[in-house]
Amino acid sequence: MTVRVLLADDQALLRVAFRVIIDSAPDLEVVAEASTGREAVELARQTRADVVLMDVRMPDMDGLTATRLITADENLAGVRVLIITTFDFDEYAFQALRAGASSFVGKGIEPGELIEAIRIVDRGDALLSPTATKALITRFLDQSDGRGRSTSERLRGLTDREREVLTLVGTGMSNDEIAQHLVISVHTAKTHIKRAMDKLQAHDRAQLVVIAYETGLVRPGTG
């Protein structure tokens, strides 16, 4: 099945370069291009692309705001956003994840790595390593006031098992490791993760890791 990609970047030359790279892969196809964040949101709704390759700094509406609008739209539940930026990792990375992006890459990424990143994001897998994700979120929480980390409201709809699985996802465990830790099948572990994602309206594992930290299920240094 072909992965349909929407390009969102205000630099025409970069869009051309990204299109050439993406269309060179037999399982990827660029279906539309946007030069502003607002256009990206409109085209995401029109095309129902599988993955939006989203720049951060764009006129009319920035990429983080556009990402937030796309991921909050129930009609675009299957659309995933991959942020691509030249700007500082710490400044934008966590903001992108909180906005609903599946992950982020730099514009200096190699062509083959970009193609694989799109495939990974489309599958709903974590593009960032657990170590990198945990380090990023820990840094953010160290600089924040800790608001929003209570488990009482946000996690109320989860079963005890789903909450336990969410905690293990937050510590960076893979499906196989979670299954082994809980003495369940990998299929059962995946089912619990999927149910937790649905209840928490998380697009993928990266979102679950953010939620695990924000709600306090996982604390800096855990895992």
Protein backbone atom coordinates (compact mmCIF):
# COMPACT_ATOMS: atom_id res chain seq x y z
CA MET A 1 0.00 0.00 0.00
CA THR A 2 1.31 3.45 -0.95
CA VAL A 3 1.91 5.98 1.83
CA ARG A 4 0.43 9.32 0.77
CA VAL A 5 2.52 12.32 1.86
CA LEU A 6 1.63 16.01 2.15
CA LEU A 7 4.58 18.43 2.02
CA ALA A 8 4.31 21.65 4.05
CA ASP A 9 7.24 24.08 3.70
CA ASP A 10 7.39 27.70 2.61
CA GLN A 11 10.56 27.15 0.56
CA ALA A 12 9.68 25.96 -2.95
CA LEU A 13 13.13 24.53 -3.63
CA LEU A 14 12.99 22.38 -0.51
CA ARG A 15 9.56 21.09 -1.47
CA VAL A 16 10.94 20.11 -4.88
CA ALA A 17 13.86 18.30 -3.24
CA PHE A 18 11.59 16.49 -0.78
CA ARG A 19 9.20 15.50 -3.57
CA VAL A 20 12.03 13.99 -5.65
CA ILE A 21 13.28 12.01 -2.63
CA ILE A 22 9.86 10.80 -1.53
CA ASP A 23 8.58 9.93 -4.99
CA SER A 24 11.74 7.90 -5.61
CA ALA A 25 10.49 5.33 -3.10
CA PRO A 26 8.08 2.80 -4.64
CA ASP A 27 5.79 2.83 -1.60
CA LEU A 28 5.63 6.62 -1.05
CA GLU A 29 3.83 9.34 -3.02
CA VAL A 30 3.56 13.11 -2.58
CA VAL A 31 -0.13 14.00 -3.04
CA ALA A 32 -0.02 17.74 -2.32
CA GLU A 33 2.20 20.67 -1.31
CA ALA A 34 1.50 23.55 1.07
CA SER A 35 3.50 26.76 1.52
CA THR A 36 1.78 27.90 4.74
CA GLY A 37 0.48 26.24 7.87
CA ARG A 38 -3.09 27.18 7.00
CA GLU A 39 -2.74 25.56 3.57
CA ALA A 40 -1.34 22.45 5.26
CA VAL A 41 -4.45 22.11 7.43
CA GLU A 42 -6.78 22.66 4.46
CA LEU A 43 -4.91 20.19 2.25
CA ALA A 44 -4.77 17.60 5.02
CA ARG A 45 -8.56 17.73 5.15
CA GLN A 46 -8.88 17.58 1.37
CA THR A 47 -6.37 14.83 0.64
CA ARG A 48 -6.49 12.75 3.84
CA ALA A 49 -2.75 12.18 3.41
CA ASP A 50 -1.23 9.49 5.61
CA VAL A 51 1.76 11.59 6.68
CA VAL A 52 2.30 15.36 6.70
CA LEU A 53 5.93 16.45 6.47
CA MET A 54 5.61 19.74 8.33
CA ASP A 55 8.03 22.67 8.59
CA VAL A 56 7.96 24.71 11.83
CA ARG A 57 8.46 28.28 10.59
CA MET A 58 5.91 29.18 7.91
CA PRO A 59 3.89 32.32 7.11
CA ASP A 60 0.20 32.75 7.97
CA MET A 61 0.29 29.88 10.49
CA ASP A 62 3.31 28.12 11.98
CA GLY A 63 3.80 24.38 11.73
CA LEU A 64 3.17 23.71 15.42
CA THR A 65 -0.24 25.38 15.30
CA ALA A 66 -1.07 23.56 12.07
CA THR A 67 -0.02 20.28 13.65
CA ARG A 68 -2.26 20.93 16.65
CA LEU A 69 -5.25 21.60 14.39
CA ILE A 70 -4.65 18.50 12.29
CA THR A 71 -4.19 16.11 15.20
CA ALA A 72 -7.20 17.57 17.05
CA ASP A 73 -9.51 17.02 14.07
CA GLU A 74 -11.48 13.79 14.56
CA ASN A 75 -11.92 13.48 10.80
CA LEU A 76 -8.12 13.36 10.44
CA ALA A 77 -7.52 10.71 13.08
CA GLY A 78 -5.41 8.62 10.71
CA VAL A 79 -3.14 11.48 9.64
CA ARG A 80 0.29 11.60 11.28
CA VAL A 81 2.65 14.57 11.34
CA LEU A 82 6.43 14.43 11.00
CA ILE A 83 8.03 17.76 11.89
CA ILE A 84 11.10 18.76 9.90
CA THR A 85 13.11 21.75 11.04
CA THR A 86 16.50 23.45 10.99
CA PHE A 87 15.91 25.01 14.38
CA ASP A 88 17.13 24.08 17.85
CA PHE A 89 16.22 20.56 18.99
CA ASP A 90 15.31 21.49 22.56
CA GLU A 91 13.31 24.58 21.63
CA TYR A 92 10.88 22.88 19.27
CA ALA A 93 11.03 19.12 19.83
CA PHE A 94 8.85 18.82 22.89
CA GLN A 95 6.48 21.51 21.60
CA ALA A 96 6.04 19.41 18.46
CA LEU A 97 5.27 16.26 20.43
CA ARG A 98 2.79 18.09 22.66
CA ALA A 99 1.13 19.53 19.57
CA GLY A 100 0.48 15.98 18.40
CA ALA A 101 3.40 15.33 16.05
CA SER A 102 4.59 11.75 15.83
CA SER A 103 8.22 12.83 15.76
CA PHE A 104 10.66 15.25 14.18
CA VAL A 105 13.78 15.24 12.02
CA GLY A 106 16.30 17.85 10.90
CA LYS A 107 16.48 19.21 7.37
CA GLY A 108 19.99 17.80 7.12
CA ILE A 109 18.62 14.26 7.20
CA GLU A 110 19.91 11.86 4.53
CA PRO A 111 17.42 10.91 1.76
CA GLY A 112 17.26 7.27 2.80
CA GLU A 113 16.72 8.23 6.43
CA LEU A 114 13.87 10.57 5.48
CA ILE A 115 12.14 7.81 3.52
CA GLU A 116 12.47 5.40 6.43
CA ALA A 117 11.28 8.05 8.91
CA ILE A 118 8.09 8.53 6.92
CA ARG A 119 7.49 4.78 6.85
CA ILE A 120 8.06 4.49 10.61
CA VAL A 121 5.70 7.37 11.40
CA ASP A 122 3.05 5.94 9.07
CA ARG A 123 3.19 2.63 10.97
CA GLY A 124 2.64 4.46 14.24
CA ASP A 125 5.98 3.33 15.63
CA ALA A 126 8.32 5.52 17.65
CA LEU A 127 10.91 7.25 15.48
CA LEU A 128 12.90 8.56 18.43
CA SER A 129 14.77 6.09 20.54
CA PRO A 130 13.34 5.66 24.07
CA THR A 131 16.54 7.16 25.49
CA ALA A 132 16.30 10.29 23.34
CA THR A 133 12.59 10.70 24.05
CA LYS A 134 13.04 10.32 27.80
CA ALA A 135 15.96 12.74 27.84
CA LEU A 136 13.94 15.31 25.91
CA ILE A 137 10.87 15.07 28.16
CA THR A 138 12.95 15.04 31.33
CA ARG A 139 14.63 18.26 30.25
CA PHE A 140 11.27 19.88 29.56
CA LEU A 141 9.79 18.82 32.91
CA ASP A 142 12.86 20.08 34.74
CA GLN A 143 12.18 23.52 33.26
CA SER A 144 8.40 23.47 33.83
CA ASP A 145 6.28 24.06 36.89
CA GLY A 146 4.90 20.54 36.84
CA ARG A 147 1.33 21.52 36.01
CA GLY A 148 -0.93 18.90 34.46
CA ARG A 149 0.88 15.90 35.88
CA SER A 150 -1.95 14.62 38.12
CA THR A 151 -3.30 11.23 37.07
CA SER A 152 -6.76 11.70 38.57
CA GLU A 153 -8.65 13.09 35.57
CA ARG A 154 -6.72 12.33 32.42
CA LEU A 155 -6.20 8.64 33.14
CA ARG A 156 -9.54 7.93 34.77
CA GLY A 157 -10.87 5.99 31.78
CA LEU A 158 -7.98 3.50 31.73
CA THR A 159 -8.16 0.08 33.30
CA ASP A 160 -5.48 -0.88 35.81
CA ARG A 161 -3.79 -3.02 33.16
CA GLU A 162 -3.87 -0.23 30.57
CA ARG A 163 -2.36 2.16 33.08
CA GLU A 164 0.35 -0.37 33.85
CA VAL A 165 1.09 -0.81 30.15
CA LEU A 166 1.17 2.97 29.65
CA THR A 167 3.76 3.22 32.41
CA LEU A 168 5.92 0.58 30.74
CA VAL A 169 5.63 2.32 27.36
CA GLY A 170 6.74 5.51 29.10
CA THR A 171 9.85 3.83 30.44
CA GLY A 172 10.82 2.87 26.89
CA MET A 173 9.87 -0.80 26.80
CA SER A 174 9.11 -2.43 23.46
CA ASN A 175 6.02 -4.59 22.88
CA ASP A 176 8.10 -7.73 23.37
CA GLU A 177 9.57 -6.42 26.63
CA ILE A 178 6.14 -5.42 27.94
CA ALA A 179 4.75 -8.85 27.11
CA GLN A 180 7.65 -10.55 28.87
CA HIS A 181 7.40 -8.26 31.91
CA LEU A 182 3.66 -8.83 32.33
CA VAL A 183 3.75 -12.49 31.25
CA ILE A 184 1.25 -11.92 28.44
CA SER A 185 1.37 -12.41 24.68
CA VAL A 186 2.75 -9.72 22.39
CA HIS A 187 -0.68 -9.52 20.76
CA THR A 188 -2.30 -8.83 24.13
CA ALA A 189 0.30 -6.16 24.88
CA LYS A 190 -0.44 -4.49 21.54
CA THR A 191 -4.17 -4.62 22.28
CA HIS A 192 -3.71 -2.87 25.64
CA ILE A 193 -1.52 -0.22 24.00
CA LYS A 194 -4.07 0.35 21.23
CA ARG A 195 -6.90 0.73 23.75
CA ALA A 196 -4.86 3.18 25.82
CA MET A 197 -4.08 5.18 22.67
CA ASP A 198 -7.76 5.29 21.72
CA LYS A 199 -8.89 6.39 25.18
CA LEU A 200 -6.19 9.04 25.48
CA GLN A 201 -6.55 10.14 21.85
CA ALA A 202 -2.86 9.49 21.24
CA HIS A 203 -1.72 9.00 17.66
CA ASP A 204 1.22 6.77 18.47
CA ARG A 205 3.74 5.62 21.06
CA ALA A 206 5.50 8.99 21.18
CA GLN A 207 2.25 10.54 22.39
CA LEU A 208 1.88 7.85 25.04
CA VAL A 209 5.39 8.57 26.34
CA VAL A 210 4.55 12.27 26.64
CA ILE A 211 1.32 11.48 28.52
CA ALA A 212 3.10 9.06 30.85
CA TYR A 213 5.50 11.82 31.88
CA GLU A 214 2.99 14.65 31.98
CA THR A 215 0.62 12.70 34.25
CA GLY A 216 3.41 11.59 36.55
CA LEU A 217 3.10 7.86 35.83
CA VAL A 218 6.76 8.00 34.85
CA ARG A 219 9.18 10.36 36.58
CA PRO A 220 12.57 11.58 35.39
CA GLY A 221 15.09 8.85 36.05
CA THR A 222 12.55 6.03 35.80
CA GLY A 223 13.43 3.00 33.69
